[in-house]
């Protein structure tokens, strides 16, 4: 955050400070590539949100399972038109979500991706292999009831 602060003389971040920061933090460069490879959403209500780190769920027996979470918007994704963010007030996303909440609830679905023991958990920029499984909250609740008898 310090490297991206605007220079008082120009009102823009100093490119040399950013370049130096990225050179010392290669994970930042990888994260920026991931972020820039995907279109931005047109608003908060149709955007997805992802954890930056892996976590561990630990069961009663002490067995840990790596997980990553995300919040998937119920509203359909709409990409931001290219000229929109530059042409509007800097608070337009907040104003839009407040107006949207006034019309109807804004909802997201919790999605937990269950990792495998060998999946990397110390670098959020390394995607997990496709063998990892993603579950919505309802799927996790349904699985917790499987195999139980009615008696």
C-alpha atoms as a PDB file:
ATOM      1  CA  UNK A   1       0.000   0.000   0.000  1.00  0.00           C
ATOM      2  CA  UNK A   2       2.864   2.369   0.746  1.00  0.00           C
ATOM      3  CA  UNK A   3       4.419   1.811  -2.675  1.00  0.00           C
ATOM      4  CA  UNK A   4       1.125   2.633  -4.404  1.00  0.00           C
ATOM      5  CA  UNK A   5       0.437   5.871  -2.530  1.00  0.00           C
ATOM      6  CA  UNK A   6       0.197   8.884  -4.842  1.00  0.00           C
ATOM      7  CA  UNK A   7       3.233  11.131  -5.029  1.00  0.00           C
ATOM      8  CA  UNK A   8       2.184  14.606  -3.781  1.00  0.00           C
ATOM      9  CA  UNK A   9       3.877  16.253  -6.772  1.00  0.00           C
ATOM     10  CA  UNK A  10       2.116  14.191  -9.467  1.00  0.00           C
ATOM     11  CA  UNK A  11      -0.958  12.827  -7.710  1.00  0.00           C
ATOM     12  CA  UNK A  12      -0.064   9.366  -9.093  1.00  0.00           C
ATOM     13  CA  UNK A  13       1.876   6.422  -7.681  1.00  0.00           C
ATOM     14  CA  UNK A  14       5.625   6.543  -8.303  1.00  0.00           C
ATOM     15  CA  UNK A  15       6.369   3.832 -10.924  1.00  0.00           C
ATOM     16  CA  UNK A  16       9.890   3.336  -9.510  1.00  0.00           C
ATOM     17  CA  UNK A  17       8.519   2.529  -6.030  1.00  0.00           C
ATOM     18  CA  UNK A  18       6.039   0.038  -7.498  1.00  0.00           C
ATOM     19  CA  UNK A  19       8.728  -1.584  -9.650  1.00  0.00           C
ATOM     20  CA  UNK A  20      11.032  -1.925  -6.625  1.00  0.00           C
ATOM     21  CA  UNK A  21       8.240  -3.391  -4.487  1.00  0.00           C
ATOM     22  CA  UNK A  22       7.269  -5.956  -7.139  1.00  0.00           C
ATOM     23  CA  UNK A  23      10.943  -6.882  -7.625  1.00  0.00           C
ATOM     24  CA  UNK A  24      11.183  -7.717  -3.904  1.00  0.00           C
ATOM     25  CA  UNK A  25       7.763  -9.439  -3.778  1.00  0.00           C
ATOM     26  CA  UNK A  26       7.384 -11.738  -6.816  1.00  0.00           C
ATOM     27  CA  UNK A  27       4.121 -13.116  -5.439  1.00  0.00           C
ATOM     28  CA  UNK A  28       2.620  -9.659  -6.005  1.00  0.00           C
ATOM     29  CA  UNK A  29       3.503  -9.803  -9.701  1.00  0.00           C
ATOM     30  CA  UNK A  30       1.845 -13.246  -9.980  1.00  0.00           C
ATOM     31  CA  UNK A  31      -1.245 -12.008  -8.128  1.00  0.00           C
ATOM     32  CA  UNK A  32      -1.516  -8.961 -10.392  1.00  0.00           C
ATOM     33  CA  UNK A  33      -1.301 -11.204 -13.473  1.00  0.00           C
ATOM     34  CA  UNK A  34      -4.187 -13.320 -12.134  1.00  0.00           C
ATOM     35  CA  UNK A  35      -6.306 -10.258 -11.333  1.00  0.00           C
ATOM     36  CA  UNK A  36      -5.612  -8.578 -14.671  1.00  0.00           C
ATOM     37  CA  UNK A  37      -6.373 -11.780 -16.629  1.00  0.00           C
ATOM     38  CA  UNK A  38     -10.038 -11.595 -15.622  1.00  0.00           C
ATOM     39  CA  UNK A  39     -12.546  -8.857 -16.455  1.00  0.00           C
ATOM     40  CA  UNK A  40     -13.735  -6.636 -13.622  1.00  0.00           C
ATOM     41  CA  UNK A  41     -17.391  -6.909 -12.697  1.00  0.00           C
ATOM     42  CA  UNK A  42     -19.800  -4.060 -13.277  1.00  0.00           C
ATOM     43  CA  UNK A  43     -20.574  -3.872  -9.563  1.00  0.00           C
ATOM     44  CA  UNK A  44     -20.159  -5.358  -6.106  1.00  0.00           C
ATOM     45  CA  UNK A  45     -23.460  -7.262  -6.305  1.00  0.00           C
ATOM     46  CA  UNK A  46     -22.403  -9.449  -9.249  1.00  0.00           C
ATOM     47  CA  UNK A  47     -18.743  -9.883  -8.283  1.00  0.00           C
ATOM     48  CA  UNK A  48     -17.177 -12.993  -6.827  1.00  0.00           C
ATOM     49  CA  UNK A  49     -14.787 -12.826  -3.899  1.00  0.00           C
ATOM     50  CA  UNK A  50     -11.976 -15.269  -3.136  1.00  0.00           C
ATOM     51  CA  UNK A  51      -9.868 -15.937  -0.075  1.00  0.00           C
ATOM     52  CA  UNK A  52      -6.282 -14.831  -0.408  1.00  0.00           C
ATOM     53  CA  UNK A  53      -4.949 -17.740   1.598  1.00  0.00           C
ATOM     54  CA  UNK A  54      -5.605 -21.399   2.162  1.00  0.00           C
ATOM     55  CA  UNK A  55      -7.047 -22.440   5.490  1.00  0.00           C
ATOM     56  CA  UNK A  56      -7.300 -25.748   7.292  1.00  0.00           C
ATOM     57  CA  UNK A  57     -10.455 -27.391   8.531  1.00  0.00           C
ATOM     58  CA  UNK A  58      -9.572 -29.615  11.484  1.00  0.00           C
ATOM     59  CA  UNK A  59     -11.928 -32.386  12.510  1.00  0.00           C
ATOM     60  CA  UNK A  60     -12.495 -33.711  16.051  1.00  0.00           C
ATOM     61  CA  UNK A  61      -9.729 -36.292  15.501  1.00  0.00           C
ATOM     62  CA  UNK A  62      -7.189 -33.570  14.699  1.00  0.00           C
ATOM     63  CA  UNK A  63      -7.020 -34.355  10.968  1.00  0.00           C
ATOM     64  CA  UNK A  64      -6.467 -31.168   8.951  1.00  0.00           C
ATOM     65  CA  UNK A  65      -7.788 -30.628   5.422  1.00  0.00           C
ATOM     66  CA  UNK A  66      -6.657 -27.663   3.310  1.00  0.00           C
ATOM     67  CA  UNK A  67      -9.462 -25.467   1.960  1.00  0.00           C
ATOM     68  CA  UNK A  68      -9.923 -22.257   0.045  1.00  0.00           C
ATOM     69  CA  UNK A  69     -13.192 -20.338   0.065  1.00  0.00           C
ATOM     70  CA  UNK A  70     -14.948 -18.058  -2.345  1.00  0.00           C
ATOM     71  CA  UNK A  71     -18.201 -16.165  -2.438  1.00  0.00           C
ATOM     72  CA  UNK A  72     -20.093 -16.614  -5.718  1.00  0.00           C
ATOM     73  CA  UNK A  73     -22.604 -13.883  -6.529  1.00  0.00           C
ATOM     74  CA  UNK A  74     -26.186 -14.993  -7.125  1.00  0.00           C
ATOM     75  CA  UNK A  75     -26.629 -12.085  -9.553  1.00  0.00           C
ATOM     76  CA  UNK A  76     -25.241 -12.969 -12.992  1.00  0.00           C
ATOM     77  CA  UNK A  77     -21.767 -11.638 -13.731  1.00  0.00           C
ATOM     78  CA  UNK A  78     -21.643  -8.578 -15.973  1.00  0.00           C
ATOM     79  CA  UNK A  79     -18.256  -7.221 -17.035  1.00  0.00           C
ATOM     80  CA  UNK A  80     -17.561  -3.566 -16.477  1.00  0.00           C
ATOM     81  CA  UNK A  81     -17.724  -1.576 -19.716  1.00  0.00           C
ATOM     82  CA  UNK A  82     -14.204  -0.256 -20.487  1.00  0.00           C
ATOM     83  CA  UNK A  83     -14.986   3.449 -20.182  1.00  0.00           C
ATOM     84  CA  UNK A  84     -17.286   3.194 -17.152  1.00  0.00           C
ATOM     85  CA  UNK A  85     -14.842   3.408 -14.225  1.00  0.00           C
ATOM     86  CA  UNK A  86     -12.869   6.273 -15.760  1.00  0.00           C
ATOM     87  CA  UNK A  87     -15.987   8.304 -16.509  1.00  0.00           C
ATOM     88  CA  UNK A  88     -17.717   8.064 -13.146  1.00  0.00           C
ATOM     89  CA  UNK A  89     -17.396   9.288  -9.607  1.00  0.00           C
ATOM     90  CA  UNK A  90     -14.954   7.225  -7.529  1.00  0.00           C
ATOM     91  CA  UNK A  91     -17.848   6.102  -5.280  1.00  0.00           C
ATOM     92  CA  UNK A  92     -20.037   4.781  -8.095  1.00  0.00           C
ATOM     93  CA  UNK A  93     -19.660   1.124  -7.031  1.00  0.00           C
ATOM     94  CA  UNK A  94     -20.729   1.927  -3.462  1.00  0.00           C
ATOM     95  CA  UNK A  95     -23.621   4.087  -4.641  1.00  0.00           C
ATOM     96  CA  UNK A  96     -24.790   1.310  -6.985  1.00  0.00           C
ATOM     97  CA  UNK A  97     -24.720  -1.442  -4.353  1.00  0.00           C
ATOM     98  CA  UNK A  98     -26.575   0.769  -1.851  1.00  0.00           C
ATOM     99  CA  UNK A  99     -29.259   1.443  -4.485  1.00  0.00           C
ATOM    100  CA  UNK A 100     -29.389  -2.280  -5.326  1.00  0.00           C
ATOM    101  CA  UNK A 101     -29.846  -3.246  -1.663  1.00  0.00           C
ATOM    102  CA  UNK A 102     -32.769  -0.834  -1.535  1.00  0.00           C
ATOM    103  CA  UNK A 103     -34.467  -2.831  -4.319  1.00  0.00           C
ATOM    104  CA  UNK A 104     -33.749  -6.422  -3.269  1.00  0.00           C
ATOM    105  CA  UNK A 105     -31.310  -8.430  -1.158  1.00  0.00           C
ATOM    106  CA  UNK A 106     -27.820  -8.995  -2.538  1.00  0.00           C
ATOM    107  CA  UNK A 107     -26.745 -12.610  -2.140  1.00  0.00           C
ATOM    108  CA  UNK A 108     -23.629 -14.729  -2.520  1.00  0.00           C
ATOM    109  CA  UNK A 109     -23.077 -18.465  -2.114  1.00  0.00           C
ATOM    110  CA  UNK A 110     -20.206 -19.744   0.005  1.00  0.00           C
ATOM    111  CA  UNK A 111     -18.059 -22.163  -2.002  1.00  0.00           C
ATOM    112  CA  UNK A 112     -15.359 -24.191  -0.253  1.00  0.00           C
ATOM    113  CA  UNK A 113     -12.702 -25.887  -2.355  1.00  0.00           C
ATOM    114  CA  UNK A 114     -11.367 -28.954  -0.583  1.00  0.00           C
ATOM    115  CA  UNK A 115      -7.689 -29.398  -1.307  1.00  0.00           C
ATOM    116  CA  UNK A 116      -5.579 -32.509  -1.379  1.00  0.00           C
ATOM    117  CA  UNK A 117      -2.776 -33.069   1.173  1.00  0.00           C
ATOM    118  CA  UNK A 118      -0.100 -32.128  -1.384  1.00  0.00           C
ATOM    119  CA  UNK A 119      -1.829 -28.926  -2.573  1.00  0.00           C
ATOM    120  CA  UNK A 120       0.277 -25.813  -1.845  1.00  0.00           C
ATOM    121  CA  UNK A 121      -1.083 -23.737   1.027  1.00  0.00           C
ATOM    122  CA  UNK A 122       1.655 -21.142   1.426  1.00  0.00           C
ATOM    123  CA  UNK A 123       1.168 -19.192  -1.833  1.00  0.00           C
ATOM    124  CA  UNK A 124      -2.281 -17.969  -2.875  1.00  0.00           C
ATOM    125  CA  UNK A 125      -1.056 -17.309  -6.409  1.00  0.00           C
ATOM    126  CA  UNK A 126      -0.530 -21.007  -7.124  1.00  0.00           C
ATOM    127  CA  UNK A 127      -3.805 -22.559  -8.320  1.00  0.00           C
ATOM    128  CA  UNK A 128      -4.744 -25.951  -6.975  1.00  0.00           C
ATOM    129  CA  UNK A 129      -4.918 -28.829  -9.442  1.00  0.00           C
ATOM    130  CA  UNK A 130      -8.309 -29.662 -10.903  1.00  0.00           C
ATOM    131  CA  UNK A 131      -8.490 -32.746  -8.660  1.00  0.00           C
ATOM    132  CA  UNK A 132      -9.469 -30.394  -5.815  1.00  0.00           C
ATOM    133  CA  UNK A 133     -13.219 -30.339  -5.184  1.00  0.00           C
ATOM    134  CA  UNK A 134     -15.452 -27.281  -4.809  1.00  0.00           C
ATOM    135  CA  UNK A 135     -18.595 -27.453  -2.681  1.00  0.00           C
ATOM    136  CA  UNK A 136     -21.352 -24.991  -2.039  1.00  0.00           C
ATOM    137  CA  UNK A 137     -22.495 -24.681   1.584  1.00  0.00           C
ATOM    138  CA  UNK A 138     -25.566 -26.846   0.872  1.00  0.00           C
ATOM    139  CA  UNK A 139     -23.334 -29.617  -0.518  1.00  0.00           C
ATOM    140  CA  UNK A 140     -21.299 -29.624   2.706  1.00  0.00           C
ATOM    141  CA  UNK A 141     -24.429 -29.822   4.866  1.00  0.00           C
ATOM    142  CA  UNK A 142     -25.840 -32.625   2.698  1.00  0.00           C
ATOM    143  CA  UNK A 143     -22.593 -34.602   3.014  1.00  0.00           C
ATOM    144  CA  UNK A 144     -22.572 -34.242   6.785  1.00  0.00           C
ATOM    145  CA  UNK A 145     -25.901 -36.105   6.919  1.00  0.00           C
ATOM    146  CA  UNK A 146     -24.963 -38.933   4.546  1.00  0.00           C
ATOM    147  CA  UNK A 147     -24.394 -42.288   6.120  1.00  0.00           C
ATOM    148  CA  UNK A 148     -26.302 -41.470   9.287  1.00  0.00           C
ATOM    149  CA  UNK A 149     -29.136 -43.731  10.269  1.00  0.00           C
ATOM    150  CA  UNK A 150     -32.540 -42.391  11.206  1.00  0.00           C
ATOM    151  CA  UNK A 151     -32.406 -44.117  14.569  1.00  0.00           C
END
